[in-house]
C-alpha cells in the first residue's frame, strides 16, 4: 500500500543560487517581532544564528517582569537569539506606529451612491 505524504514549506522565500537559505537557515525571516495586545507585550527573536533583537517598547515602559524567565528586565529590552519575552502590563498599552509600518486597513463600509 502506498503512503500519502504532505509537503509543508519550510520558508516562504525563493530558492535560487543567490538565496540566503543556502548559507543561512534564518534567511527570509524578519529579525524580531513585537506584539502589544491589550495588557500583553510579547517580543520574539526567532533567529538562532544571528544577533540579538532590541524590542520596540510602548511609551513609558521602564521595566517589567518577564513571565518567561521570571526576571525583571529594564528598558531597552534586548532579546537574545532564539528566545521570547512576555510582559503583563497594567494598564494596557499600545506601541506607536513607525513611519515604515503598513497602515491598518480601514473598516469595510458599503459604497454609497
PDB file of N, CA and C in Angstrom:
ATOM      1  N   UNK A   1       0.837  -1.174   0.000  1.00  0.00           N
ATOM      2  CA  UNK A   1       0.000   0.000   0.000  1.00  0.00           C
ATOM      3  C   UNK A   1       0.890   1.248   0.000  1.00  0.00           C
ATOM      4  N   UNK A   2       0.520   2.236  -0.762  1.00  0.00           N
ATOM      5  CA  UNK A   2       1.299   3.452  -0.902  1.00  0.00           C
ATOM      6  C   UNK A   2       0.907   4.453   0.183  1.00  0.00           C
ATOM      7  N   UNK A   3       1.909   5.041   0.835  1.00  0.00           N
ATOM      8  CA  UNK A   3       1.641   6.025   1.885  1.00  0.00           C
ATOM      9  C   UNK A   3       1.538   7.415   1.290  1.00  0.00           C
ATOM     10  N   UNK A   4       0.634   8.185   1.823  1.00  0.00           N
ATOM     11  CA  UNK A   4       0.498   9.575   1.399  1.00  0.00           C
ATOM     12  C   UNK A   4       1.402  10.442   2.259  1.00  0.00           C
ATOM     13  N   UNK A   5       2.037  11.402   1.644  1.00  0.00           N
ATOM     14  CA  UNK A   5       2.859  12.347   2.385  1.00  0.00           C
ATOM     15  C   UNK A   5       2.402  13.760   2.063  1.00  0.00           C
ATOM     16  N   UNK A   6       2.617  14.635   2.992  1.00  0.00           N
ATOM     17  CA  UNK A   6       2.263  16.028   2.811  1.00  0.00           C
ATOM     18  C   UNK A   6       3.534  16.857   2.861  1.00  0.00           C
ATOM     19  N   UNK A   7       3.727  17.697   1.878  1.00  0.00           N
ATOM     20  CA  UNK A   7       4.883  18.585   1.859  1.00  0.00           C
ATOM     21  C   UNK A   7       4.484  19.919   2.463  1.00  0.00           C
ATOM     22  N   UNK A   8       5.219  20.368   3.458  1.00  0.00           N
ATOM     23  CA  UNK A   8       4.962  21.645   4.101  1.00  0.00           C
ATOM     24  C   UNK A   8       6.161  22.548   3.855  1.00  0.00           C
ATOM     25  N   UNK A   9       5.938  23.755   3.318  1.00  0.00           N
ATOM     26  CA  UNK A   9       7.083  24.636   3.055  1.00  0.00           C
ATOM     27  C   UNK A   9       7.759  25.052   4.344  1.00  0.00           C
ATOM     28  N   UNK A  10       9.088  25.068   4.309  1.00  0.00           N
ATOM     29  CA  UNK A  10       9.854  25.440   5.492  1.00  0.00           C
ATOM     30  C   UNK A  10       9.949  26.947   5.623  1.00  0.00           C
ATOM     31  N   UNK A  11      10.178  27.623   4.516  1.00  0.00           N
ATOM     32  CA  UNK A  11      10.237  29.079   4.483  1.00  0.00           C
ATOM     33  C   UNK A  11       9.525  29.562   3.226  1.00  0.00           C
ATOM     34  N   UNK A  12       9.033  30.755   3.276  1.00  0.00           N
ATOM     35  CA  UNK A  12       8.397  31.347   2.116  1.00  0.00           C
ATOM     36  C   UNK A  12       9.363  32.319   1.454  1.00  0.00           C
ATOM     37  N   UNK A  13      10.457  31.806   0.981  1.00  0.00           N
ATOM     38  CA  UNK A  13      11.454  32.611   0.286  1.00  0.00           C
ATOM     39  C   UNK A  13      11.832  31.883  -0.990  1.00  0.00           C
ATOM     40  N   UNK A  14      12.164  32.618  -2.048  1.00  0.00           N
ATOM     41  CA  UNK A  14      12.526  31.960  -3.294  1.00  0.00           C
ATOM     42  C   UNK A  14      13.841  31.192  -3.156  1.00  0.00           C
ATOM     43  N   UNK A  15      13.897  30.032  -3.751  1.00  0.00           N
ATOM     44  CA  UNK A  15      15.116  29.228  -3.746  1.00  0.00           C
ATOM     45  C   UNK A  15      15.839  29.474  -5.066  1.00  0.00           C
ATOM     46  N   UNK A  16      17.036  29.972  -4.999  1.00  0.00           N
ATOM     47  CA  UNK A  16      17.848  30.208  -6.180  1.00  0.00           C
ATOM     48  C   UNK A  16      19.306  30.134  -5.772  1.00  0.00           C
ATOM     49  N   UNK A  17      20.194  30.336  -6.714  1.00  0.00           N
ATOM     50  CA  UNK A  17      21.626  30.296  -6.406  1.00  0.00           C
ATOM     51  C   UNK A  17      22.021  31.414  -5.455  1.00  0.00           C
ATOM     52  N   UNK A  18      21.291  32.513  -5.454  1.00  0.00           N
ATOM     53  CA  UNK A  18      21.614  33.639  -4.590  1.00  0.00           C
ATOM     54  C   UNK A  18      20.729  33.685  -3.341  1.00  0.00           C
ATOM     55  N   UNK A  19      19.938  32.668  -3.128  1.00  0.00           N
ATOM     56  CA  UNK A  19      19.028  32.650  -1.988  1.00  0.00           C
ATOM     57  C   UNK A  19      19.803  32.617  -0.676  1.00  0.00           C
ATOM     58  N   UNK A  20      19.370  33.405   0.326  1.00  0.00           N
ATOM     59  CA  UNK A  20      20.042  33.363   1.621  1.00  0.00           C
ATOM     60  C   UNK A  20      19.862  32.027   2.338  1.00  0.00           C
ATOM     61  N   UNK A  21      18.895  31.210   1.899  1.00  0.00           N
ATOM     62  CA  UNK A  21      18.658  29.935   2.561  1.00  0.00           C
ATOM     63  C   UNK A  21      19.806  28.952   2.373  1.00  0.00           C
ATOM     64  N   UNK A  22      20.562  29.110   1.302  1.00  0.00           N
ATOM     65  CA  UNK A  22      21.657  28.173   1.052  1.00  0.00           C
ATOM     66  C   UNK A  22      22.746  28.276   2.111  1.00  0.00           C
ATOM     67  N   UNK A  23      22.945  29.478   2.662  1.00  0.00           N
ATOM     68  CA  UNK A  23      24.017  29.678   3.635  1.00  0.00           C
ATOM     69  C   UNK A  23      23.518  30.067   5.019  1.00  0.00           C
ATOM     70  N   UNK A  24      22.232  30.356   5.150  1.00  0.00           N
ATOM     71  CA  UNK A  24      21.711  30.875   6.398  1.00  0.00           C
ATOM     72  C   UNK A  24      20.313  30.314   6.652  1.00  0.00           C
ATOM     73  N   UNK A  25      20.130  29.479   7.676  1.00  0.00           N
ATOM     74  CA  UNK A  25      18.800  28.927   7.943  1.00  0.00           C
ATOM     75  C   UNK A  25      17.786  29.982   8.371  1.00  0.00           C
ATOM     76  N   UNK A  26      18.260  31.190   8.757  1.00  0.00           N
ATOM     77  CA  UNK A  26      17.357  32.268   9.127  1.00  0.00           C
ATOM     78  C   UNK A  26      16.970  33.124   7.937  1.00  0.00           C
ATOM     79  N   UNK A  27      17.504  32.852   6.755  1.00  0.00           N
ATOM     80  CA  UNK A  27      17.233  33.670   5.584  1.00  0.00           C
ATOM     81  C   UNK A  27      15.748  33.702   5.258  1.00  0.00           C
ATOM     82  N   UNK A  28      15.253  34.863   4.886  1.00  0.00           N
ATOM     83  CA  UNK A  28      13.854  35.011   4.522  1.00  0.00           C
ATOM     84  C   UNK A  28      12.951  35.345   5.684  1.00  0.00           C
ATOM     85  N   UNK A  29      13.488  35.479   6.886  1.00  0.00           N
ATOM     86  CA  UNK A  29      12.674  35.797   8.063  1.00  0.00           C
ATOM     87  C   UNK A  29      13.022  37.187   8.575  1.00  0.00           C
ATOM     88  N   UNK A  30      12.117  37.769   9.342  1.00  0.00           N
ATOM     89  CA  UNK A  30      12.384  39.054   9.963  1.00  0.00           C
ATOM     90  C   UNK A  30      13.409  38.912  11.075  1.00  0.00           C
ATOM     91  N   UNK A  31      13.887  40.031  11.570  1.00  0.00           N
ATOM     92  CA  UNK A  31      14.911  39.998  12.614  1.00  0.00           C
ATOM     93  C   UNK A  31      14.322  39.770  13.992  1.00  0.00           C
ATOM     94  N   UNK A  32      13.116  40.223  14.211  1.00  0.00           N
ATOM     95  CA  UNK A  32      12.475  40.047  15.502  1.00  0.00           C
ATOM     96  C   UNK A  32      11.050  40.556  15.422  1.00  0.00           C
ATOM     97  N   UNK A  33      10.264  40.239  16.422  1.00  0.00           N
ATOM     98  CA  UNK A  33       8.842  40.560  16.384  1.00  0.00           C
ATOM     99  C   UNK A  33       8.403  41.113  17.731  1.00  0.00           C
ATOM    100  N   UNK A  34       7.545  42.143  17.710  1.00  0.00           N
ATOM    101  CA  UNK A  34       6.961  42.721  18.915  1.00  0.00           C
ATOM    102  C   UNK A  34       5.455  42.756  18.739  1.00  0.00           C
ATOM    103  N   UNK A  35       4.727  42.306  19.751  1.00  0.00           N
ATOM    104  CA  UNK A  35       3.270  42.315  19.732  1.00  0.00           C
ATOM    105  C   UNK A  35       2.782  42.965  21.013  1.00  0.00           C
ATOM    106  N   UNK A  36       1.914  43.934  20.886  1.00  0.00           N
ATOM    107  CA  UNK A  36       1.277  44.559  22.044  1.00  0.00           C
ATOM    108  C   UNK A  36      -0.217  44.387  21.857  1.00  0.00           C
ATOM    109  N   UNK A  37      -0.837  43.573  22.723  1.00  0.00           N
ATOM    110  CA  UNK A  37      -2.256  43.251  22.597  1.00  0.00           C
ATOM    111  C   UNK A  37      -2.902  43.397  23.967  1.00  0.00           C
ATOM    112  N   UNK A  38      -3.623  44.508  24.156  1.00  0.00           N
ATOM    113  CA  UNK A  38      -4.239  44.751  25.459  1.00  0.00           C
ATOM    114  C   UNK A  38      -3.177  44.879  26.539  1.00  0.00           C
ATOM    115  N   UNK A  39      -3.261  44.037  27.546  1.00  0.00           N
ATOM    116  CA  UNK A  39      -2.284  44.063  28.634  1.00  0.00           C
ATOM    117  C   UNK A  39      -0.998  43.321  28.292  1.00  0.00           C
ATOM    118  N   UNK A  40      -0.992  42.555  27.220  1.00  0.00           N
ATOM    119  CA  UNK A  40       0.144  41.688  26.901  1.00  0.00           C
ATOM    120  C   UNK A  40       1.148  42.370  25.977  1.00  0.00           C
ATOM    121  N   UNK A  41       2.418  42.244  26.309  1.00  0.00           N
ATOM    122  CA  UNK A  41       3.505  42.726  25.476  1.00  0.00           C
ATOM    123  C   UNK A  41       4.449  41.546  25.258  1.00  0.00           C
ATOM    124  N   UNK A  42       4.603  41.136  23.995  1.00  0.00           N
ATOM    125  CA  UNK A  42       5.379  39.942  23.654  1.00  0.00           C
ATOM    126  C   UNK A  42       6.474  40.332  22.666  1.00  0.00           C
ATOM    127  N   UNK A  43       7.680  39.850  22.916  1.00  0.00           N
ATOM    128  CA  UNK A  43       8.792  40.052  21.998  1.00  0.00           C
ATOM    129  C   UNK A  43       9.426  38.716  21.681  1.00  0.00           C
ATOM    130  N   UNK A  44       9.710  38.476  20.390  1.00  0.00           N
ATOM    131  CA  UNK A  44      10.307  37.200  19.972  1.00  0.00           C
ATOM    132  C   UNK A  44      11.501  37.461  19.071  1.00  0.00           C
ATOM    133  N   UNK A  45      12.555  36.727  19.310  1.00  0.00           N
ATOM    134  CA  UNK A  45      13.708  36.715  18.416  1.00  0.00           C
ATOM    135  C   UNK A  45      13.840  35.276  17.936  1.00  0.00           C
ATOM    136  N   UNK A  46      13.285  34.989  16.779  1.00  0.00           N
ATOM    137  CA  UNK A  46      13.258  33.635  16.249  1.00  0.00           C
ATOM    138  C   UNK A  46      14.555  33.189  15.602  1.00  0.00           C
ATOM    139  N   UNK A  47      15.528  34.071  15.533  1.00  0.00           N
ATOM    140  CA  UNK A  47      16.791  33.712  14.902  1.00  0.00           C
ATOM    141  C   UNK A  47      17.674  32.926  15.859  1.00  0.00           C
ATOM    142  N   UNK A  48      18.276  31.886  15.344  1.00  0.00           N
ATOM    143  CA  UNK A  48      19.172  31.073  16.157  1.00  0.00           C
ATOM    144  C   UNK A  48      20.626  31.250  15.760  1.00  0.00           C
ATOM    145  N   UNK A  49      20.879  31.937  14.642  1.00  0.00           N
ATOM    146  CA  UNK A  49      22.255  32.063  14.162  1.00  0.00           C
ATOM    147  C   UNK A  49      22.730  33.504  14.093  1.00  0.00           C
ATOM    148  N   UNK A  50      21.829  34.464  14.255  1.00  0.00           N
ATOM    149  CA  UNK A  50      22.218  35.865  14.154  1.00  0.00           C
ATOM    150  C   UNK A  50      22.101  36.533  15.512  1.00  0.00           C
ATOM    151  N   UNK A  51      22.284  37.840  15.555  1.00  0.00           N
ATOM    152  CA  UNK A  51      22.380  38.565  16.815  1.00  0.00           C
ATOM    153  C   UNK A  51      21.098  38.783  17.573  1.00  0.00           C
ATOM    154  N   UNK A  52      21.207  39.641  18.579  1.00  0.00           N
ATOM    155  CA  UNK A  52      20.098  39.961  19.460  1.00  0.00           C
ATOM    156  C   UNK A  52      19.124  40.915  18.775  1.00  0.00           C
ATOM    157  N   UNK A  53      17.922  41.021  19.359  1.00  0.00           N
ATOM    158  CA  UNK A  53      16.869  41.897  18.840  1.00  0.00           C
ATOM    159  C   UNK A  53      16.475  42.856  19.945  1.00  0.00           C
ATOM    160  N   UNK A  54      16.532  44.161  19.663  1.00  0.00           N
ATOM    161  CA  UNK A  54      16.093  45.171  20.615  1.00  0.00           C
ATOM    162  C   UNK A  54      14.612  45.416  20.382  1.00  0.00           C
ATOM    163  N   UNK A  55      13.830  45.108  21.387  1.00  0.00           N
ATOM    164  CA  UNK A  55      12.377  45.135  21.290  1.00  0.00           C
ATOM    165  C   UNK A  55      11.845  46.566  21.246  1.00  0.00           C
ATOM    166  N   UNK A  56      10.819  46.792  20.424  1.00  0.00           N
ATOM    167  CA  UNK A  56      10.136  48.076  20.382  1.00  0.00           C
ATOM    168  C   UNK A  56       9.195  48.133  21.587  1.00  0.00           C
ATOM    169  N   UNK A  57       9.244  49.223  22.355  1.00  0.00           N
ATOM    170  CA  UNK A  57       8.503  49.309  23.607  1.00  0.00           C
ATOM    171  C   UNK A  57       7.465  50.428  23.568  1.00  0.00           C
ATOM    172  N   UNK A  58       6.372  50.266  24.332  1.00  0.00           N
ATOM    173  CA  UNK A  58       5.385  51.342  24.409  1.00  0.00           C
ATOM    174  C   UNK A  58       5.944  52.517  25.212  1.00  0.00           C
ATOM    175  N   UNK A  59       5.426  53.724  24.975  1.00  0.00           N
ATOM    176  CA  UNK A  59       5.888  54.879  25.741  1.00  0.00           C
ATOM    177  C   UNK A  59       5.665  54.665  27.237  1.00  0.00           C
ATOM    178  N   UNK A  60       6.622  55.063  28.030  1.00  0.00           N
ATOM    179  CA  UNK A  60       6.506  54.949  29.477  1.00  0.00           C
ATOM    180  C   UNK A  60       6.990  53.631  30.057  1.00  0.00           C
ATOM    181  N   UNK A  61       7.326  52.649  29.234  1.00  0.00           N
ATOM    182  CA  UNK A  61       7.815  51.370  29.745  1.00  0.00           C
ATOM    183  C   UNK A  61       9.247  51.558  30.231  1.00  0.00           C
ATOM    184  N   UNK A  62       9.480  51.299  31.515  1.00  0.00           N
ATOM    185  CA  UNK A  62      10.835  51.413  32.069  1.00  0.00           C
ATOM    186  C   UNK A  62      11.373  50.058  32.504  1.00  0.00           C
ATOM    187  N   UNK A  63      10.495  49.205  33.028  1.00  0.00           N
ATOM    188  CA  UNK A  63      10.901  47.854  33.417  1.00  0.00           C
ATOM    189  C   UNK A  63       9.657  47.005  33.638  1.00  0.00           C
ATOM    190  N   UNK A  64       9.859  45.695  33.662  1.00  0.00           N
ATOM    191  CA  UNK A  64       8.741  44.783  33.878  1.00  0.00           C
ATOM    192  C   UNK A  64       9.241  43.381  34.141  1.00  0.00           C
ATOM    193  N   UNK A  65       8.369  42.553  34.707  1.00  0.00           N
ATOM    194  CA  UNK A  65       8.700  41.165  34.990  1.00  0.00           C
ATOM    195  C   UNK A  65       8.467  40.327  33.740  1.00  0.00           C
ATOM    196  N   UNK A  66       9.525  39.701  33.243  1.00  0.00           N
ATOM    197  CA  UNK A  66       9.407  38.785  32.104  1.00  0.00           C
ATOM    198  C   UNK A  66       8.802  37.491  32.625  1.00  0.00           C
ATOM    199  N   UNK A  67       7.623  37.141  32.123  1.00  0.00           N
ATOM    200  CA  UNK A  67       6.915  35.964  32.613  1.00  0.00           C
ATOM    201  C   UNK A  67       7.516  34.648  32.109  1.00  0.00           C
ATOM    202  N   UNK A  68       8.436  34.713  31.148  1.00  0.00           N
ATOM    203  CA  UNK A  68       9.094  33.505  30.659  1.00  0.00           C
ATOM    204  C   UNK A  68      10.299  33.165  31.535  1.00  0.00           C
ATOM    205  N   UNK A  69      11.154  34.140  31.771  1.00  0.00           N
ATOM    206  CA  UNK A  69      12.385  33.894  32.548  1.00  0.00           C
ATOM    207  C   UNK A  69      12.225  34.224  34.033  1.00  0.00           C
ATOM    208  N   UNK A  70      11.129  34.887  34.403  1.00  0.00           N
ATOM    209  CA  UNK A  70      10.870  35.316  35.785  1.00  0.00           C
ATOM    210  C   UNK A  70      11.946  36.277  36.283  1.00  0.00           C
ATOM    211  N   UNK A  71      12.453  37.108  35.372  1.00  0.00           N
ATOM    212  CA  UNK A  71      13.437  38.133  35.716  1.00  0.00           C
ATOM    213  C   UNK A  71      12.874  39.493  35.371  1.00  0.00           C
ATOM    214  N   UNK A  72      13.266  40.508  36.162  1.00  0.00           N
ATOM    215  CA  UNK A  72      12.872  41.872  35.852  1.00  0.00           C
ATOM    216  C   UNK A  72      13.803  42.379  34.758  1.00  0.00           C
ATOM    217  N   UNK A  73      13.211  42.903  33.691  1.00  0.00           N
ATOM    218  CA  UNK A  73      14.000  43.440  32.572  1.00  0.00           C
ATOM    219  C   UNK A  73      13.743  44.933  32.486  1.00  0.00           C
ATOM    220  N   UNK A  74      14.821  45.685  32.306  1.00  0.00           N
ATOM    221  CA  UNK A  74      14.725  47.137  32.189  1.00  0.00           C
ATOM    222  C   UNK A  74      14.848  47.543  30.729  1.00  0.00           C
ATOM    223  N   UNK A  75      14.265  48.702  30.407  1.00  0.00           N
ATOM    224  CA  UNK A  75      14.361  49.233  29.044  1.00  0.00           C
ATOM    225  C   UNK A  75      15.781  49.725  28.800  1.00  0.00           C
ATOM    226  N   UNK A  76      16.320  49.533  27.618  1.00  0.00           N
ATOM    227  CA  UNK A  76      15.768  48.832  26.474  1.00  0.00           C
ATOM    228  C   UNK A  76      15.838  47.321  26.671  1.00  0.00           C
ATOM    229  N   UNK A  77      14.822  46.604  26.201  1.00  0.00           N
ATOM    230  CA  UNK A  77      14.771  45.149  26.338  1.00  0.00           C
ATOM    231  C   UNK A  77      15.460  44.534  25.115  1.00  0.00           C
ATOM    232  N   UNK A  78      16.575  43.868  25.366  1.00  0.00           N
ATOM    233  CA  UNK A  78      17.324  43.198  24.305  1.00  0.00           C
ATOM    234  C   UNK A  78      17.059  41.703  24.439  1.00  0.00           C
ATOM    235  N   UNK A  79      16.523  41.098  23.374  1.00  0.00           N
ATOM    236  CA  UNK A  79      16.139  39.690  23.407  1.00  0.00           C
ATOM    237  C   UNK A  79      17.240  38.866  22.761  1.00  0.00           C
ATOM    238  N   UNK A  80      17.846  37.935  23.500  1.00  0.00           N
ATOM    239  CA  UNK A  80      18.876  37.082  22.911  1.00  0.00           C
ATOM    240  C   UNK A  80      18.304  36.203  21.806  1.00  0.00           C
ATOM    241  N   UNK A  81      19.179  35.736  20.938  1.00  0.00           N
ATOM    242  CA  UNK A  81      18.742  34.925  19.799  1.00  0.00           C
ATOM    243  C   UNK A  81      18.017  33.672  20.274  1.00  0.00           C
ATOM    244  N   UNK A  82      16.923  33.371  19.583  1.00  0.00           N
ATOM    245  CA  UNK A  82      16.154  32.163  19.862  1.00  0.00           C
ATOM    246  C   UNK A  82      15.323  32.188  21.124  1.00  0.00           C
ATOM    247  N   UNK A  83      15.001  33.377  21.653  1.00  0.00           N
ATOM    248  CA  UNK A  83      14.217  33.437  22.894  1.00  0.00           C
ATOM    249  C   UNK A  83      13.016  34.369  22.738  1.00  0.00           C
ATOM    250  N   UNK A  84      12.134  34.317  23.745  1.00  0.00           N
ATOM    251  CA  UNK A  84      10.904  35.108  23.773  1.00  0.00           C
ATOM    252  C   UNK A  84      10.763  35.745  25.150  1.00  0.00           C
ATOM    253  N   UNK A  85      10.187  36.941  25.195  1.00  0.00           N
ATOM    254  CA  UNK A  85       9.854  37.589  26.461  1.00  0.00           C
ATOM    255  C   UNK A  85       8.372  37.934  26.438  1.00  0.00           C
ATOM    256  N   UNK A  86       7.740  37.878  27.623  1.00  0.00           N
ATOM    257  CA  UNK A  86       6.319  38.203  27.753  1.00  0.00           C
ATOM    258  C   UNK A  86       6.147  39.057  28.996  1.00  0.00           C
ATOM    259  N   UNK A  87       5.456  40.196  28.841  1.00  0.00           N
ATOM    260  CA  UNK A  87       5.161  41.078  29.963  1.00  0.00           C
ATOM    261  C   UNK A  87       3.654  41.254  30.054  1.00  0.00           C
ATOM    262  N   UNK A  88       3.139  41.380  31.293  1.00  0.00           N
ATOM    263  CA  UNK A  88       1.746  41.735  31.513  1.00  0.00           C
ATOM    264  C   UNK A  88       1.750  43.175  32.002  1.00  0.00           C
ATOM    265  N   UNK A  89       1.164  44.080  31.220  1.00  0.00           N
ATOM    266  CA  UNK A  89       1.196  45.499  31.533  1.00  0.00           C
ATOM    267  C   UNK A  89      -0.102  45.941  32.180  1.00  0.00           C
ATOM    268  N   UNK A  90       0.018  46.838  33.130  1.00  0.00           N
ATOM    269  CA  UNK A  90      -1.163  47.423  33.741  1.00  0.00           C
ATOM    270  C   UNK A  90      -0.926  48.920  33.828  1.00  0.00           C
ATOM    271  N   UNK A  91      -1.664  49.726  33.161  1.00  0.00           N
ATOM    272  CA  UNK A  91      -2.790  49.473  32.268  1.00  0.00           C
ATOM    273  C   UNK A  91      -2.332  49.028  30.886  1.00  0.00           C
ATOM    274  N   UNK A  92      -3.292  48.655  30.007  1.00  0.00           N
ATOM    275  CA  UNK A  92      -2.920  48.237  28.655  1.00  0.00           C
ATOM    276  C   UNK A  92      -2.179  49.355  27.926  1.00  0.00           C
ATOM    277  N   UNK A  93      -1.346  48.972  26.988  1.00  0.00           N
ATOM    278  CA  UNK A  93      -0.548  49.956  26.250  1.00  0.00           C
ATOM    279  C   UNK A  93      -0.609  49.666  24.761  1.00  0.00           C
ATOM    280  N   UNK A  94      -0.203  50.625  23.990  1.00  0.00           N
ATOM    281  CA  UNK A  94      -0.065  50.437  22.548  1.00  0.00           C
ATOM    282  C   UNK A  94       1.307  50.944  22.132  1.00  0.00           C
ATOM    283  N   UNK A  95       1.804  50.386  21.058  1.00  0.00           N
ATOM    284  CA  UNK A  95       3.093  50.799  20.525  1.00  0.00           C
ATOM    285  C   UNK A  95       2.822  51.743  19.368  1.00  0.00           C
ATOM    286  N   UNK A  96       3.410  52.943  19.380  1.00  0.00           N
ATOM    287  CA  UNK A  96       3.165  53.860  18.267  1.00  0.00           C
ATOM    288  C   UNK A  96       3.696  53.296  16.961  1.00  0.00           C
ATOM    289  N   UNK A  97       3.023  53.631  15.877  1.00  0.00           N
ATOM    290  CA  UNK A  97       3.437  53.141  14.563  1.00  0.00           C
ATOM    291  C   UNK A  97       4.684  53.881  14.104  1.00  0.00           C
ATOM    292  N   UNK A  98       5.558  53.152  13.458  1.00  0.00           N
ATOM    293  CA  UNK A  98       6.725  53.790  12.863  1.00  0.00           C
ATOM    294  C   UNK A  98       6.365  54.221  11.445  1.00  0.00           C
ATOM    295  N   UNK A  99       7.117  55.153  10.861  1.00  0.00           N
ATOM    296  CA  UNK A  99       6.773  55.627   9.518  1.00  0.00           C
ATOM    297  C   UNK A  99       6.810  54.531   8.453  1.00  0.00           C
ATOM    298  N   UNK A 100       7.571  53.456   8.686  1.00  0.00           N
ATOM    299  CA  UNK A 100       7.674  52.407   7.676  1.00  0.00           C
ATOM    300  C   UNK A 100       6.674  51.276   7.893  1.00  0.00           C
ATOM    301  N   UNK A 101       5.720  51.461   8.808  1.00  0.00           N
ATOM    302  CA  UNK A 101       4.712  50.443   9.083  1.00  0.00           C
ATOM    303  C   UNK A 101       3.575  50.557   8.070  1.00  0.00           C
ATOM    304  N   UNK A 102       3.107  49.418   7.613  1.00  0.00           N
ATOM    305  CA  UNK A 102       1.959  49.404   6.697  1.00  0.00           C
ATOM    306  C   UNK A 102       0.736  49.909   7.447  1.00  0.00           C
ATOM    307  N   UNK A 103      -0.024  50.845   6.864  1.00  0.00           N
ATOM    308  CA  UNK A 103      -1.196  51.360   7.569  1.00  0.00           C
ATOM    309  C   UNK A 103      -2.243  50.274   7.810  1.00  0.00           C
ATOM    310  N   UNK A 104      -2.951  50.406   8.915  1.00  0.00           N
ATOM    311  CA  UNK A 104      -4.027  49.462   9.217  1.00  0.00           C
ATOM    312  C   UNK A 104      -5.124  49.602   8.172  1.00  0.00           C
ATOM    313  N   UNK A 105      -5.759  48.470   7.788  1.00  0.00           N
ATOM    314  CA  UNK A 105      -6.865  48.567   6.835  1.00  0.00           C
ATOM    315  C   UNK A 105      -8.039  49.298   7.474  1.00  0.00           C
ATOM    316  N   UNK A 106      -8.742  50.058   6.661  1.00  0.00           N
ATOM    317  CA  UNK A 106      -9.907  50.778   7.149  1.00  0.00           C
ATOM    318  C   UNK A 106     -11.078  49.819   7.265  1.00  0.00           C
ATOM    319  N   UNK A 107     -11.963  50.035   8.235  1.00  0.00           N
ATOM    320  CA  UNK A 107     -13.131  49.146   8.353  1.00  0.00           C
ATOM    321  C   UNK A 107     -13.955  49.195   7.069  1.00  0.00           C
ATOM    322  N   UNK A 108     -14.499  48.063   6.717  1.00  0.00           N
ATOM    323  CA  UNK A 108     -15.282  47.968   5.495  1.00  0.00           C
ATOM    324  C   UNK A 108     -16.589  48.718   5.674  1.00  0.00           C
ATOM    325  N   UNK A 109     -16.954  49.450   4.674  1.00  0.00           N
ATOM    326  CA  UNK A 109     -18.269  50.098   4.687  1.00  0.00           C
ATOM    327  C   UNK A 109     -18.844  49.985   3.285  1.00  0.00           C
ATOM    328  N   UNK A 110     -20.145  49.795   3.177  1.00  0.00           N
ATOM    329  CA  UNK A 110     -20.757  49.662   1.854  1.00  0.00           C
ATOM    330  C   UNK A 110     -20.616  50.960   1.071  1.00  0.00           C
ATOM    331  N   UNK A 111     -20.435  50.820  -0.219  1.00  0.00           N
ATOM    332  CA  UNK A 111     -20.312  52.004  -1.075  1.00  0.00           C
ATOM    333  C   UNK A 111     -21.633  52.756  -1.108  1.00  0.00           C
ATOM    334  N   UNK A 112     -21.514  54.056  -1.073  1.00  0.00           N
ATOM    335  CA  UNK A 112     -22.730  54.866  -1.156  1.00  0.00           C
ATOM    336  C   UNK A 112     -22.830  55.438  -2.554  1.00  0.00           C
ATOM    337  N   UNK A 113     -24.024  55.551  -3.053  1.00  0.00           N
ATOM    338  CA  UNK A 113     -24.201  56.073  -4.414  1.00  0.00           C
ATOM    339  C   UNK A 113     -24.943  57.370  -4.404  1.00  0.00           C
TER     340      UNK A 113
END
